[in-house]
């Protein structure tokens, strides 16, 4: 799941401090930095596609829920992400 800066894909904000990042990754959740910068111990937005959250679960639905749970803890002014990630895969999984 991509967490993007306000205005993306058009003109987007940079230099917004990112709050709520976990201190370290877990076995079932990794956060990849794309459009970020580190200055004086703080992480800031520095691009349109700022972070990517990747999670694992026993089902696609479980992985999706873990990603959304992690995303809701991360904040910066204008942060947004899609709320339909994985819906087709979840439908296929549930219709088996």
PDB file of N, CA and C in Angstrom:
ATOM      1  N   UNK A   1       0.843  -1.150   0.000  1.00  0.00           N
ATOM      2  CA  UNK A   1       0.000   0.000   0.000  1.00  0.00           C
ATOM      3  C   UNK A   1       0.901   1.229   0.000  1.00  0.00           C
ATOM      4  N   UNK A   2       0.633   2.159  -0.915  1.00  0.00           N
ATOM      5  CA  UNK A   2       1.414   3.390  -0.998  1.00  0.00           C
ATOM      6  C   UNK A   2       0.750   4.490  -0.175  1.00  0.00           C
ATOM      7  N   UNK A   3       1.528   5.154   0.651  1.00  0.00           N
ATOM      8  CA  UNK A   3       1.090   6.366   1.342  1.00  0.00           C
ATOM      9  C   UNK A   3       1.699   7.528   0.582  1.00  0.00           C
ATOM     10  N   UNK A   4       0.843   8.409   0.083  1.00  0.00           N
ATOM     11  CA  UNK A   4       1.285   9.478  -0.802  1.00  0.00           C
ATOM     12  C   UNK A   4       1.144  10.845  -0.143  1.00  0.00           C
ATOM     13  N   UNK A   5       1.872  11.805  -0.695  1.00  0.00           N
ATOM     14  CA  UNK A   5       1.830  13.182  -0.206  1.00  0.00           C
ATOM     15  C   UNK A   5       0.628  13.908  -0.786  1.00  0.00           C
ATOM     16  N   UNK A   6       0.100  14.849  -0.028  1.00  0.00           N
ATOM     17  CA  UNK A   6      -1.009  15.664  -0.490  1.00  0.00           C
ATOM     18  C   UNK A   6      -0.688  16.316  -1.825  1.00  0.00           C
ATOM     19  N   UNK A   7      -1.622  16.230  -2.776  1.00  0.00           N
ATOM     20  CA  UNK A   7      -1.431  16.792  -4.101  1.00  0.00           C
ATOM     21  C   UNK A   7      -0.949  15.798  -5.137  1.00  0.00           C
ATOM     22  N   UNK A   8      -0.338  14.691  -4.701  1.00  0.00           N
ATOM     23  CA  UNK A   8       0.158  13.679  -5.632  1.00  0.00           C
ATOM     24  C   UNK A   8      -1.017  13.092  -6.411  1.00  0.00           C
ATOM     25  N   UNK A   9      -0.951  12.872  -7.717  1.00  0.00           N
ATOM     26  CA  UNK A   9       0.222  12.864  -8.581  1.00  0.00           C
ATOM     27  C   UNK A   9       0.584  14.218  -9.190  1.00  0.00           C
ATOM     28  N   UNK A  10      -0.136  15.254  -8.853  1.00  0.00           N
ATOM     29  CA  UNK A  10       0.218  16.599  -9.319  1.00  0.00           C
ATOM     30  C   UNK A  10       1.279  17.201  -8.414  1.00  0.00           C
ATOM     31  N   UNK A  11       1.200  18.497  -8.229  1.00  0.00           N
ATOM     32  CA  UNK A  11       2.143  19.192  -7.341  1.00  0.00           C
ATOM     33  C   UNK A  11       1.877  18.735  -5.905  1.00  0.00           C
ATOM     34  N   UNK A  12       2.901  18.253  -5.248  1.00  0.00           N
ATOM     35  CA  UNK A  12       2.734  17.710  -3.899  1.00  0.00           C
ATOM     36  C   UNK A  12       3.616  18.449  -2.902  1.00  0.00           C
ATOM     37  N   UNK A  13       3.230  18.330  -1.655  1.00  0.00           N
ATOM     38  CA  UNK A  13       3.969  18.964  -0.563  1.00  0.00           C
ATOM     39  C   UNK A  13       5.205  18.147  -0.205  1.00  0.00           C
ATOM     40  N   UNK A  14       6.246  18.821   0.244  1.00  0.00           N
ATOM     41  CA  UNK A  14       7.437  18.167   0.793  1.00  0.00           C
ATOM     42  C   UNK A  14       7.770  18.836   2.125  1.00  0.00           C
ATOM     43  N   UNK A  15       8.693  18.213   2.837  1.00  0.00           N
ATOM     44  CA  UNK A  15       9.192  18.713   4.128  1.00  0.00           C
ATOM     45  C   UNK A  15       8.151  18.683   5.240  1.00  0.00           C
ATOM     46  N   UNK A  16       7.126  17.821   5.108  1.00  0.00           N
ATOM     47  CA  UNK A  16       6.191  17.596   6.212  1.00  0.00           C
ATOM     48  C   UNK A  16       6.777  16.497   7.093  1.00  0.00           C
ATOM     49  N   UNK A  17       6.815  16.710   8.397  1.00  0.00           N
ATOM     50  CA  UNK A  17       7.364  15.707   9.306  1.00  0.00           C
ATOM     51  C   UNK A  17       6.408  14.515   9.370  1.00  0.00           C
ATOM     52  N   UNK A  18       6.969  13.305   9.318  1.00  0.00           N
ATOM     53  CA  UNK A  18       6.186  12.070   9.363  1.00  0.00           C
ATOM     54  C   UNK A  18       6.179  11.569  10.805  1.00  0.00           C
ATOM     55  N   UNK A  19       4.997  11.372  11.341  1.00  0.00           N
ATOM     56  CA  UNK A  19       4.823  10.905  12.718  1.00  0.00           C
ATOM     57  C   UNK A  19       4.272   9.483  12.719  1.00  0.00           C
ATOM     58  N   UNK A  20       4.538   8.746  13.785  1.00  0.00           N
ATOM     59  CA  UNK A  20       3.943   7.431  13.978  1.00  0.00           C
ATOM     60  C   UNK A  20       4.642   6.277  13.298  1.00  0.00           C
ATOM     61  N   UNK A  21       5.826   6.511  12.746  1.00  0.00           N
ATOM     62  CA  UNK A  21       6.564   5.399  12.142  1.00  0.00           C
ATOM     63  C   UNK A  21       7.018   4.447  13.241  1.00  0.00           C
ATOM     64  N   UNK A  22       6.850   3.136  13.038  1.00  0.00           N
ATOM     65  CA  UNK A  22       7.331   2.196  14.055  1.00  0.00           C
ATOM     66  C   UNK A  22       8.858   2.231  14.124  1.00  0.00           C
ATOM     67  N   UNK A  23       9.394   1.935  15.281  1.00  0.00           N
ATOM     68  CA  UNK A  23      10.843   1.958  15.480  1.00  0.00           C
ATOM     69  C   UNK A  23      11.546   0.916  14.616  1.00  0.00           C
ATOM     70  N   UNK A  24      10.883  -0.210  14.381  1.00  0.00           N
ATOM     71  CA  UNK A  24      11.477  -1.254  13.546  1.00  0.00           C
ATOM     72  C   UNK A  24      10.379  -2.063  12.877  1.00  0.00           C
ATOM     73  N   UNK A  25      10.769  -2.761  11.821  1.00  0.00           N
ATOM     74  CA  UNK A  25       9.825  -3.620  11.112  1.00  0.00           C
ATOM     75  C   UNK A  25       9.564  -4.880  11.916  1.00  0.00           C
ATOM     76  N   UNK A  26       8.466  -5.535  11.606  1.00  0.00           N
ATOM     77  CA  UNK A  26       8.167  -6.837  12.199  1.00  0.00           C
ATOM     78  C   UNK A  26       8.225  -7.880  11.097  1.00  0.00           C
ATOM     79  N   UNK A  27       8.111  -9.133  11.477  1.00  0.00           N
ATOM     80  CA  UNK A  27       8.180 -10.207  10.497  1.00  0.00           C
ATOM     81  C   UNK A  27       7.038 -10.129   9.488  1.00  0.00           C
ATOM     82  N   UNK A  28       5.885  -9.610   9.901  1.00  0.00           N
ATOM     83  CA  UNK A  28       4.729  -9.572   8.999  1.00  0.00           C
ATOM     84  C   UNK A  28       4.405  -8.177   8.474  1.00  0.00           C
ATOM     85  N   UNK A  29       5.267  -7.186   8.746  1.00  0.00           N
ATOM     86  CA  UNK A  29       5.026  -5.828   8.244  1.00  0.00           C
ATOM     87  C   UNK A  29       6.355  -5.121   7.980  1.00  0.00           C
ATOM     88  N   UNK A  30       6.535  -4.673   6.753  1.00  0.00           N
ATOM     89  CA  UNK A  30       7.720  -3.903   6.367  1.00  0.00           C
ATOM     90  C   UNK A  30       7.254  -2.573   5.788  1.00  0.00           C
ATOM     91  N   UNK A  31       7.946  -1.504   6.132  1.00  0.00           N
ATOM     92  CA  UNK A  31       7.650  -0.188   5.578  1.00  0.00           C
ATOM     93  C   UNK A  31       8.876   0.265   4.793  1.00  0.00           C
ATOM     94  N   UNK A  32       8.669   0.492   3.500  1.00  0.00           N
ATOM     95  CA  UNK A  32       9.741   0.917   2.615  1.00  0.00           C
ATOM     96  C   UNK A  32       9.635   2.424   2.389  1.00  0.00           C
ATOM     97  N   UNK A  33      10.760   3.102   2.506  1.00  0.00           N
ATOM     98  CA  UNK A  33      10.806   4.544   2.295  1.00  0.00           C
ATOM     99  C   UNK A  33      11.124   4.808   0.828  1.00  0.00           C
ATOM    100  N   UNK A  34      10.360   5.690   0.216  1.00  0.00           N
ATOM    101  CA  UNK A  34      10.596   6.079  -1.172  1.00  0.00           C
ATOM    102  C   UNK A  34      10.855   7.581  -1.228  1.00  0.00           C
ATOM    103  N   UNK A  35       9.837   8.380  -0.942  1.00  0.00           N
ATOM    104  CA  UNK A  35       9.963   9.831  -0.981  1.00  0.00           C
ATOM    105  C   UNK A  35      10.126  10.400   0.407  1.00  0.00           C
ATOM    106  N   UNK A  36      11.221  10.039   1.083  1.00  0.00           N
ATOM    107  CA  UNK A  36      11.475  10.546   2.435  1.00  0.00           C
ATOM    108  C   UNK A  36      12.889  11.094   2.527  1.00  0.00           C
ATOM    109  N   UNK A  37      13.108  11.916   3.522  1.00  0.00           N
ATOM    110  CA  UNK A  37      14.457  12.372   3.850  1.00  0.00           C
ATOM    111  C   UNK A  37      14.597  12.355   5.367  1.00  0.00           C
ATOM    112  N   UNK A  38      15.821  12.207   5.819  1.00  0.00           N
ATOM    113  CA  UNK A  38      16.122  12.176   7.249  1.00  0.00           C
ATOM    114  C   UNK A  38      16.977  13.396   7.569  1.00  0.00           C
ATOM    115  N   UNK A  39      16.462  14.242   8.459  1.00  0.00           N
ATOM    116  CA  UNK A  39      17.192  15.446   8.846  1.00  0.00           C
ATOM    117  C   UNK A  39      17.082  15.636  10.354  1.00  0.00           C
ATOM    118  N   UNK A  40      18.225  15.704  11.007  1.00  0.00           N
ATOM    119  CA  UNK A  40      18.289  15.955  12.451  1.00  0.00           C
ATOM    120  C   UNK A  40      17.392  15.006  13.246  1.00  0.00           C
ATOM    121  N   UNK A  41      17.392  13.745  12.856  1.00  0.00           N
ATOM    122  CA  UNK A  41      16.651  12.726  13.588  1.00  0.00           C
ATOM    123  C   UNK A  41      15.172  12.638  13.271  1.00  0.00           C
ATOM    124  N   UNK A  42      14.687  13.435  12.329  1.00  0.00           N
ATOM    125  CA  UNK A  42      13.277  13.400  11.945  1.00  0.00           C
ATOM    126  C   UNK A  42      13.148  12.955  10.493  1.00  0.00           C
ATOM    127  N   UNK A  43      12.077  12.216  10.196  1.00  0.00           N
ATOM    128  CA  UNK A  43      11.802  11.773   8.832  1.00  0.00           C
ATOM    129  C   UNK A  43      10.774  12.729   8.233  1.00  0.00           C
ATOM    130  N   UNK A  44      11.071  13.207   7.009  1.00  0.00           N
ATOM    131  CA  UNK A  44      10.218  14.172   6.320  1.00  0.00           C
ATOM    132  C   UNK A  44       9.781  13.630   4.965  1.00  0.00           C
ATOM    133  N   UNK A  45       8.645  14.134   4.484  1.00  0.00           N
ATOM    134  CA  UNK A  45       8.230  13.811   3.121  1.00  0.00           C
ATOM    135  C   UNK A  45       9.182  14.509   2.159  1.00  0.00           C
ATOM    136  N   UNK A  46       9.496  13.818   1.061  1.00  0.00           N
ATOM    137  CA  UNK A  46      10.417  14.385   0.077  1.00  0.00           C
ATOM    138  C   UNK A  46      10.105  13.846  -1.316  1.00  0.00           C
ATOM    139  N   UNK A  47       8.842  13.502  -1.544  1.00  0.00           N
ATOM    140  CA  UNK A  47       8.423  12.986  -2.837  1.00  0.00           C
ATOM    141  C   UNK A  47       6.937  12.744  -2.820  1.00  0.00           C
ATOM    142  N   UNK A  48       6.399  12.305  -3.944  1.00  0.00           N
ATOM    143  CA  UNK A  48       4.964  12.070  -4.044  1.00  0.00           C
ATOM    144  C   UNK A  48       4.530  10.755  -3.419  1.00  0.00           C
ATOM    145  N   UNK A  49       5.220   9.677  -3.794  1.00  0.00           N
ATOM    146  CA  UNK A  49       4.945   8.358  -3.216  1.00  0.00           C
ATOM    147  C   UNK A  49       5.919   8.202  -2.053  1.00  0.00           C
ATOM    148  N   UNK A  50       5.451   8.456  -0.861  1.00  0.00           N
ATOM    149  CA  UNK A  50       6.327   8.634   0.295  1.00  0.00           C
ATOM    150  C   UNK A  50       6.744   7.312   0.927  1.00  0.00           C
ATOM    151  N   UNK A  51       5.779   6.464   1.268  1.00  0.00           N
ATOM    152  CA  UNK A  51       6.050   5.187   1.937  1.00  0.00           C
ATOM    153  C   UNK A  51       5.280   4.073   1.253  1.00  0.00           C
ATOM    154  N   UNK A  52       5.774   2.856   1.403  1.00  0.00           N
ATOM    155  CA  UNK A  52       5.047   1.672   0.938  1.00  0.00           C
ATOM    156  C   UNK A  52       4.987   0.681   2.097  1.00  0.00           C
ATOM    157  N   UNK A  53       3.780   0.293   2.467  1.00  0.00           N
ATOM    158  CA  UNK A  53       3.578  -0.677   3.543  1.00  0.00           C
ATOM    159  C   UNK A  53       3.290  -2.029   2.909  1.00  0.00           C
ATOM    160  N   UNK A  54       4.059  -3.029   3.305  1.00  0.00           N
ATOM    161  CA  UNK A  54       3.873  -4.394   2.824  1.00  0.00           C
ATOM    162  C   UNK A  54       3.635  -5.290   4.027  1.00  0.00           C
ATOM    163  N   UNK A  55       2.548  -6.058   3.989  1.00  0.00           N
ATOM    164  CA  UNK A  55       2.208  -6.926   5.117  1.00  0.00           C
ATOM    165  C   UNK A  55       1.933  -8.342   4.649  1.00  0.00           C
ATOM    166  N   UNK A  56       2.022  -9.267   5.581  1.00  0.00           N
ATOM    167  CA  UNK A  56       1.686 -10.667   5.344  1.00  0.00           C
ATOM    168  C   UNK A  56       0.515 -11.051   6.231  1.00  0.00           C
ATOM    169  N   UNK A  57      -0.238 -12.042   5.792  1.00  0.00           N
ATOM    170  CA  UNK A  57      -1.329 -12.578   6.587  1.00  0.00           C
ATOM    171  C   UNK A  57      -1.665 -13.971   6.102  1.00  0.00           C
ATOM    172  N   UNK A  58      -2.451 -14.701   6.865  1.00  0.00           N
ATOM    173  CA  UNK A  58      -2.882 -16.033   6.442  1.00  0.00           C
ATOM    174  C   UNK A  58      -3.858 -15.961   5.280  1.00  0.00           C
ATOM    175  N   UNK A  59      -4.511 -14.813   5.124  1.00  0.00           N
ATOM    176  CA  UNK A  59      -5.416 -14.558   4.002  1.00  0.00           C
ATOM    177  C   UNK A  59      -5.099 -13.169   3.462  1.00  0.00           C
ATOM    178  N   UNK A  60      -5.598 -12.903   2.262  1.00  0.00           N
ATOM    179  CA  UNK A  60      -5.418 -11.565   1.697  1.00  0.00           C
ATOM    180  C   UNK A  60      -6.118 -10.533   2.576  1.00  0.00           C
ATOM    181  N   UNK A  61      -7.303 -10.865   3.066  1.00  0.00           N
ATOM    182  CA  UNK A  61      -8.046  -9.951   3.933  1.00  0.00           C
ATOM    183  C   UNK A  61      -7.240  -9.612   5.189  1.00  0.00           C
ATOM    184  N   UNK A  62      -6.623 -10.612   5.787  1.00  0.00           N
ATOM    185  CA  UNK A  62      -5.820 -10.377   6.991  1.00  0.00           C
ATOM    186  C   UNK A  62      -4.631  -9.464   6.680  1.00  0.00           C
ATOM    187  N   UNK A  63      -3.970  -9.701   5.558  1.00  0.00           N
ATOM    188  CA  UNK A  63      -2.846  -8.844   5.167  1.00  0.00           C
ATOM    189  C   UNK A  63      -3.322  -7.418   4.912  1.00  0.00           C
ATOM    190  N   UNK A  64      -4.468  -7.275   4.257  1.00  0.00           N
ATOM    191  CA  UNK A  64      -5.029  -5.951   3.995  1.00  0.00           C
ATOM    192  C   UNK A  64      -5.321  -5.224   5.307  1.00  0.00           C
ATOM    193  N   UNK A  65      -5.943  -5.927   6.238  1.00  0.00           N
ATOM    194  CA  UNK A  65      -6.290  -5.307   7.519  1.00  0.00           C
ATOM    195  C   UNK A  65      -5.045  -4.874   8.289  1.00  0.00           C
ATOM    196  N   UNK A  66      -3.988  -5.666   8.222  1.00  0.00           N
ATOM    197  CA  UNK A  66      -2.734  -5.292   8.888  1.00  0.00           C
ATOM    198  C   UNK A  66      -2.136  -4.033   8.261  1.00  0.00           C
ATOM    199  N   UNK A  67      -2.207  -3.953   6.940  1.00  0.00           N
ATOM    200  CA  UNK A  67      -1.675  -2.766   6.257  1.00  0.00           C
ATOM    201  C   UNK A  67      -2.452  -1.519   6.652  1.00  0.00           C
ATOM    202  N   UNK A  68      -3.780  -1.609   6.654  1.00  0.00           N
ATOM    203  CA  UNK A  68      -4.592  -0.455   7.045  1.00  0.00           C
ATOM    204  C   UNK A  68      -4.372  -0.078   8.507  1.00  0.00           C
ATOM    205  N   UNK A  69      -4.193  -1.058   9.366  1.00  0.00           N
ATOM    206  CA  UNK A  69      -3.932  -0.780  10.785  1.00  0.00           C
ATOM    207  C   UNK A  69      -2.622  -0.012  10.932  1.00  0.00           C
ATOM    208  N   UNK A  70      -1.607  -0.445  10.205  1.00  0.00           N
ATOM    209  CA  UNK A  70      -0.318   0.248  10.272  1.00  0.00           C
ATOM    210  C   UNK A  70      -0.437   1.656   9.694  1.00  0.00           C
ATOM    211  N   UNK A  71      -1.149   1.788   8.577  1.00  0.00           N
ATOM    212  CA  UNK A  71      -1.281   3.091   7.916  1.00  0.00           C
ATOM    213  C   UNK A  71      -1.977   4.113   8.803  1.00  0.00           C
ATOM    214  N   UNK A  72      -2.955   3.674   9.576  1.00  0.00           N
ATOM    215  CA  UNK A  72      -3.698   4.645  10.399  1.00  0.00           C
ATOM    216  C   UNK A  72      -2.846   5.223  11.525  1.00  0.00           C
ATOM    217  N   UNK A  73      -1.744   4.566  11.859  1.00  0.00           N
ATOM    218  CA  UNK A  73      -0.857   5.065  12.908  1.00  0.00           C
ATOM    219  C   UNK A  73       0.175   6.068  12.385  1.00  0.00           C
ATOM    220  N   UNK A  74       0.312   6.156  11.063  1.00  0.00           N
ATOM    221  CA  UNK A  74       1.301   7.037  10.442  1.00  0.00           C
ATOM    222  C   UNK A  74       0.591   8.305   9.978  1.00  0.00           C
ATOM    223  N   UNK A  75       1.215   9.457  10.224  1.00  0.00           N
ATOM    224  CA  UNK A  75       0.555  10.709   9.880  1.00  0.00           C
ATOM    225  C   UNK A  75       1.554  11.766   9.420  1.00  0.00           C
ATOM    226  N   UNK A  76       1.150  12.517   8.429  1.00  0.00           N
ATOM    227  CA  UNK A  76       1.746  13.808   8.098  1.00  0.00           C
ATOM    228  C   UNK A  76       0.663  14.614   7.404  1.00  0.00           C
ATOM    229  N   UNK A  77       0.813  15.911   7.362  1.00  0.00           N
ATOM    230  CA  UNK A  77      -0.198  16.772   6.757  1.00  0.00           C
ATOM    231  C   UNK A  77      -0.393  16.387   5.288  1.00  0.00           C
ATOM    232  N   UNK A  78      -1.604  16.009   4.930  1.00  0.00           N
ATOM    233  CA  UNK A  78      -1.917  15.666   3.549  1.00  0.00           C
ATOM    234  C   UNK A  78      -1.719  14.206   3.188  1.00  0.00           C
ATOM    235  N   UNK A  79      -1.306  13.372   4.134  1.00  0.00           N
ATOM    236  CA  UNK A  79      -1.105  11.946   3.852  1.00  0.00           C
ATOM    237  C   UNK A  79      -2.402  11.313   3.357  1.00  0.00           C
ATOM    238  N   UNK A  80      -2.300  10.506   2.290  1.00  0.00           N
ATOM    239  CA  UNK A  80      -3.479   9.767   1.849  1.00  0.00           C
ATOM    240  C   UNK A  80      -3.072   8.444   1.225  1.00  0.00           C
ATOM    241  N   UNK A  81      -4.027   7.535   1.193  1.00  0.00           N
ATOM    242  CA  UNK A  81      -3.828   6.232   0.570  1.00  0.00           C
ATOM    243  C   UNK A  81      -5.185   5.708   0.140  1.00  0.00           C
ATOM    244  N   UNK A  82      -5.147   4.779  -0.800  1.00  0.00           N
ATOM    245  CA  UNK A  82      -6.391   4.193  -1.299  1.00  0.00           C
ATOM    246  C   UNK A  82      -7.001   3.284  -0.241  1.00  0.00           C
ATOM    247  N   UNK A  83      -8.303   3.157  -0.301  1.00  0.00           N
ATOM    248  CA  UNK A  83      -9.025   2.319   0.664  1.00  0.00           C
ATOM    249  C   UNK A  83      -9.635   1.082   0.007  1.00  0.00           C
ATOM    250  N   UNK A  84      -9.139   0.755  -1.191  1.00  0.00           N
ATOM    251  CA  UNK A  84      -9.656  -0.416  -1.898  1.00  0.00           C
ATOM    252  C   UNK A  84      -8.545  -1.405  -2.256  1.00  0.00           C
ATOM    253  N   UNK A  85      -7.439  -1.327  -1.577  1.00  0.00           N
ATOM    254  CA  UNK A  85      -6.295  -2.188  -1.873  1.00  0.00           C
ATOM    255  C   UNK A  85      -6.675  -3.655  -1.666  1.00  0.00           C
ATOM    256  N   UNK A  86      -6.435  -4.460  -2.692  1.00  0.00           N
ATOM    257  CA  UNK A  86      -6.642  -5.902  -2.594  1.00  0.00           C
ATOM    258  C   UNK A  86      -8.075  -6.381  -2.701  1.00  0.00           C
ATOM    259  N   UNK A  87      -9.020  -5.500  -3.008  1.00  0.00           N
ATOM    260  CA  UNK A  87     -10.425  -5.921  -2.962  1.00  0.00           C
ATOM    261  C   UNK A  87     -10.739  -7.033  -3.961  1.00  0.00           C
ATOM    262  N   UNK A  88     -10.126  -7.016  -5.137  1.00  0.00           N
ATOM    263  CA  UNK A  88     -10.397  -8.088  -6.111  1.00  0.00           C
ATOM    264  C   UNK A  88      -9.866  -9.429  -5.609  1.00  0.00           C
ATOM    265  N   UNK A  89      -8.660  -9.413  -5.062  1.00  0.00           N
ATOM    266  CA  UNK A  89      -8.069 -10.648  -4.538  1.00  0.00           C
ATOM    267  C   UNK A  89      -8.878 -11.177  -3.358  1.00  0.00           C
ATOM    268  N   UNK A  90      -9.404 -10.279  -2.532  1.00  0.00           N
ATOM    269  CA  UNK A  90     -10.239 -10.695  -1.399  1.00  0.00           C
ATOM    270  C   UNK A  90     -11.528 -11.325  -1.905  1.00  0.00           C
ATOM    271  N   UNK A  91     -12.150 -10.728  -2.920  1.00  0.00           N
ATOM    272  CA  UNK A  91     -13.373 -11.305  -3.504  1.00  0.00           C
ATOM    273  C   UNK A  91     -13.108 -12.696  -4.053  1.00  0.00           C
ATOM    274  N   UNK A  92     -11.997 -12.858  -4.790  1.00  0.00           N
ATOM    275  CA  UNK A  92     -11.659 -14.183  -5.340  1.00  0.00           C
ATOM    276  C   UNK A  92     -11.454 -15.190  -4.217  1.00  0.00           C
ATOM    277  N   UNK A  93     -10.733 -14.783  -3.190  1.00  0.00           N
ATOM    278  CA  UNK A  93     -10.444 -15.667  -2.064  1.00  0.00           C
ATOM    279  C   UNK A  93     -11.733 -16.083  -1.348  1.00  0.00           C
ATOM    280  N   UNK A  94     -12.657 -15.160  -1.173  1.00  0.00           N
ATOM    281  CA  UNK A  94     -13.898 -15.449  -0.460  1.00  0.00           C
ATOM    282  C   UNK A  94     -14.886 -16.248  -1.303  1.00  0.00           C
ATOM    283  N   UNK A  95     -14.737 -16.212  -2.622  1.00  0.00           N
ATOM    284  CA  UNK A  95     -15.653 -16.934  -3.513  1.00  0.00           C
ATOM    285  C   UNK A  95     -15.142 -18.310  -3.908  1.00  0.00           C
ATOM    286  N   UNK A  96     -14.082 -18.777  -3.290  1.00  0.00           N
ATOM    287  CA  UNK A  96     -13.545 -20.117  -3.599  1.00  0.00           C
ATOM    288  C   UNK A  96     -14.479 -21.187  -3.102  1.00  0.00           C
TER     289      UNK A  96
END
